[in-house]
Structure formats: structure tokens, C-alpha cells
Amino acid sequence: MEELISRLRKNTAKAQPFGAIIKFDTGPNGVLCIDGTGETIVVDDIDRDANTTIILSQDALEKLMRGKLNPAMAAMSGKLKVKGDMSLALKLANFL
């Protein structure tokens, strides 16, 4: 997870906060949160309430971040599920 957190921190370093929290829930492997509610975006592994939660395996998350997994296809095939505000999930394309 640390590698994924590091990659997301780099990808969000210059992005503008978006006023919400997006959480990736990988089950037993933990969570990864993108907190865009402050002055800067914070990426960490602290489990917190989120506006949008994306549920997927760690393997699927890694593939998603490498561009090896199409988010729409993953959702249609059940490899990922979105709970909450779907429009926030669409903002992830900018960070991945």
C-alpha cells in the first residue's frame, strides 16, 4: 500500500482540493484515502468516513493505477463497486 500511497501523493501534489473524501477499500489489505477537504490534498491509509468509497481488491487497485484496468469495465464486471457520490469517482481519472 505504501507504494500506491506514494504514487497518489505525487499525482495529487499539484491538484486543487475538491471538497470531499474518496476512499479505496481493499478489504483485508486496508484502505487508501484521498482527502480533498483541506487546503491541500492529503493521501494516507487512515480509515475515515468518505463521500465516495470504491471497493476493490489491492490487485485491481494496482492495475487501475498503472492504467492496466479500465474503470468502466472493472465496474461492469464487478471488480470494483462504488458507494456514494459517483461524480467524485469520475474525478479520480485526474489522479490515476
C-alpha atoms as a PDB file:
ATOM      1  CA  MET A   1       0.000   0.000   0.000  1.00  0.00           C
ATOM      2  CA  GLU A   2       2.862   2.387   0.713  1.00  0.00           C
ATOM      3  CA  GLU A   3       3.879   2.368  -2.960  1.00  0.00           C
ATOM      4  CA  LEU A   4       0.314   3.206  -4.006  1.00  0.00           C
ATOM      5  CA  ILE A   5       0.090   5.986  -1.419  1.00  0.00           C
ATOM      6  CA  SER A   6       3.398   7.421  -2.605  1.00  0.00           C
ATOM      7  CA  ARG A   7       2.265   7.350  -6.239  1.00  0.00           C
ATOM      8  CA  LEU A   8      -1.046   9.052  -5.417  1.00  0.00           C
ATOM      9  CA  ARG A   9       0.713  11.704  -3.327  1.00  0.00           C
ATOM     10  CA  LYS A  10       2.897  12.510  -6.311  1.00  0.00           C
ATOM     11  CA  ASN A  11      -0.110  12.590  -8.665  1.00  0.00           C
ATOM     12  CA  THR A  12      -2.128  14.872  -6.372  1.00  0.00           C
ATOM     13  CA  ALA A  13       0.698  17.197  -5.314  1.00  0.00           C
ATOM     14  CA  LYS A  14      -0.290  19.981  -7.712  1.00  0.00           C
ATOM     15  CA  ALA A  15      -4.017  19.262  -7.879  1.00  0.00           C
ATOM     16  CA  GLN A  16      -6.629  21.532  -6.369  1.00  0.00           C
ATOM     17  CA  PRO A  17      -8.645  20.272  -3.379  1.00  0.00           C
ATOM     18  CA  PHE A  18     -12.095  19.104  -4.419  1.00  0.00           C
ATOM     19  CA  GLY A  19     -14.013  19.368  -1.128  1.00  0.00           C
ATOM     20  CA  ALA A  20     -14.595  15.671  -0.459  1.00  0.00           C
ATOM     21  CA  ILE A  21     -13.000  12.404   0.664  1.00  0.00           C
ATOM     22  CA  ILE A  22     -12.614   9.393  -1.628  1.00  0.00           C
ATOM     23  CA  LYS A  23     -11.708   6.056  -0.082  1.00  0.00           C
ATOM     24  CA  PHE A  24     -10.412   2.891  -1.733  1.00  0.00           C
ATOM     25  CA  ASP A  25     -11.397  -0.103   0.389  1.00  0.00           C
ATOM     26  CA  THR A  26      -9.311  -3.178  -0.418  1.00  0.00           C
ATOM     27  CA  GLY A  27     -10.833  -5.283   2.341  1.00  0.00           C
ATOM     28  CA  PRO A  28      -8.255  -7.098   4.471  1.00  0.00           C
ATOM     29  CA  ASN A  29      -5.407  -5.167   2.811  1.00  0.00           C
ATOM     30  CA  GLY A  30      -6.678  -1.878   4.235  1.00  0.00           C
ATOM     31  CA  VAL A  31      -7.802   1.438   2.860  1.00  0.00           C
ATOM     32  CA  LEU A  32      -6.333   4.316   0.929  1.00  0.00           C
ATOM     33  CA  CYS A  33      -7.955   7.754   1.330  1.00  0.00           C
ATOM     34  CA  ILE A  34      -7.708  10.868  -0.785  1.00  0.00           C
ATOM     35  CA  ASP A  35      -8.831  13.768   1.390  1.00  0.00           C
ATOM     36  CA  GLY A  36      -9.566  16.835  -0.695  1.00  0.00           C
ATOM     37  CA  THR A  37     -11.339  18.797   2.049  1.00  0.00           C
ATOM     38  CA  GLY A  38      -8.438  20.935   3.277  1.00  0.00           C
ATOM     39  CA  GLU A  39      -6.131  23.483   1.699  1.00  0.00           C
ATOM     40  CA  THR A  40      -4.130  20.675   0.098  1.00  0.00           C
ATOM     41  CA  ILE A  41      -4.986  17.104  -0.841  1.00  0.00           C
ATOM     42  CA  VAL A  42      -3.878  14.505   1.701  1.00  0.00           C
ATOM     43  CA  VAL A  43      -3.340  10.856   0.748  1.00  0.00           C
ATOM     44  CA  ASP A  44      -2.986   8.275   3.543  1.00  0.00           C
ATOM     45  CA  ASP A  45      -4.147   4.912   4.846  1.00  0.00           C
ATOM     46  CA  ILE A  46      -6.370   6.223   7.651  1.00  0.00           C
ATOM     47  CA  ASP A  47      -9.858   4.730   7.523  1.00  0.00           C
ATOM     48  CA  ARG A  48     -12.357   7.588   7.715  1.00  0.00           C
ATOM     49  CA  ASP A  49     -15.874   8.384   6.589  1.00  0.00           C
ATOM     50  CA  ALA A  50     -15.858   9.216   2.894  1.00  0.00           C
ATOM     51  CA  ASN A  51     -18.194  10.825   0.399  1.00  0.00           C
ATOM     52  CA  THR A  52     -17.351   8.043  -2.046  1.00  0.00           C
ATOM     53  CA  THR A  53     -15.971   4.580  -1.340  1.00  0.00           C
ATOM     54  CA  ILE A  54     -14.546   2.388  -4.073  1.00  0.00           C
ATOM     55  CA  ILE A  55     -14.441  -1.275  -3.101  1.00  0.00           C
ATOM     56  CA  LEU A  56     -11.932  -3.435  -4.957  1.00  0.00           C
ATOM     57  CA  SER A  57      -9.011  -5.800  -4.413  1.00  0.00           C
ATOM     58  CA  GLN A  58      -5.500  -4.470  -3.917  1.00  0.00           C
ATOM     59  CA  ASP A  59      -4.507  -6.146  -7.180  1.00  0.00           C
ATOM     60  CA  ALA A  60      -7.313  -4.339  -9.013  1.00  0.00           C
ATOM     61  CA  LEU A  61      -6.286  -1.036  -7.411  1.00  0.00           C
ATOM     62  CA  GLU A  62      -2.692  -1.522  -8.536  1.00  0.00           C
ATOM     63  CA  LYS A  63      -3.815  -2.332 -12.085  1.00  0.00           C
ATOM     64  CA  LEU A  64      -6.162   0.654 -12.081  1.00  0.00           C
ATOM     65  CA  MET A  65      -3.336   2.979 -11.062  1.00  0.00           C
ATOM     66  CA  ARG A  66      -0.998   1.561 -13.717  1.00  0.00           C
ATOM     67  CA  GLY A  67      -3.621   2.013 -16.419  1.00  0.00           C
ATOM     68  CA  LYS A  68      -3.900  -1.762 -16.897  1.00  0.00           C
ATOM     69  CA  LEU A  69      -7.545  -1.851 -15.769  1.00  0.00           C
ATOM     70  CA  ASN A  70     -10.297   0.180 -17.357  1.00  0.00           C
ATOM     71  CA  PRO A  71     -12.502   1.606 -14.560  1.00  0.00           C
ATOM     72  CA  ALA A  72     -15.742   1.270 -16.539  1.00  0.00           C
ATOM     73  CA  MET A  73     -15.009  -2.341 -17.484  1.00  0.00           C
ATOM     74  CA  ALA A  74     -13.984  -3.115 -13.902  1.00  0.00           C
ATOM     75  CA  ALA A  75     -17.283  -1.735 -12.619  1.00  0.00           C
ATOM     76  CA  MET A  76     -19.329  -3.637 -15.206  1.00  0.00           C
ATOM     77  CA  SER A  77     -17.519  -6.899 -14.453  1.00  0.00           C
ATOM     78  CA  GLY A  78     -17.889  -6.467 -10.684  1.00  0.00           C
ATOM     79  CA  LYS A  79     -14.174  -5.973  -9.999  1.00  0.00           C
ATOM     80  CA  LEU A  80     -14.988  -2.659  -8.355  1.00  0.00           C
ATOM     81  CA  LYS A  81     -18.033  -1.177  -6.722  1.00  0.00           C
ATOM     82  CA  VAL A  82     -18.745   2.464  -5.966  1.00  0.00           C
ATOM     83  CA  LYS A  83     -20.737   3.563  -2.933  1.00  0.00           C
ATOM     84  CA  GLY A  84     -21.662   7.202  -2.591  1.00  0.00           C
ATOM     85  CA  ASP A  85     -21.201  10.098  -4.988  1.00  0.00           C
ATOM     86  CA  MET A  86     -20.399   8.655  -8.424  1.00  0.00           C
ATOM     87  CA  SER A  87     -19.290  12.062  -9.755  1.00  0.00           C
ATOM     88  CA  LEU A  88     -16.405  12.028  -7.268  1.00  0.00           C
ATOM     89  CA  ALA A  89     -15.287   8.646  -8.536  1.00  0.00           C
ATOM     90  CA  LEU A  90     -15.038  10.171 -12.004  1.00  0.00           C
ATOM     91  CA  LYS A  91     -12.575  12.790 -10.677  1.00  0.00           C
ATOM     92  CA  LEU A  92     -10.107  10.009  -9.952  1.00  0.00           C
ATOM     93  CA  ALA A  93      -9.048   9.885 -13.583  1.00  0.00           C
ATOM     94  CA  ASN A  94      -7.089  13.069 -12.931  1.00  0.00           C
ATOM     95  CA  PHE A  95      -5.075  11.403 -10.161  1.00  0.00           C
ATOM     96  CA  LEU A  96      -4.557   7.918 -11.520  1.00  0.00           C
END
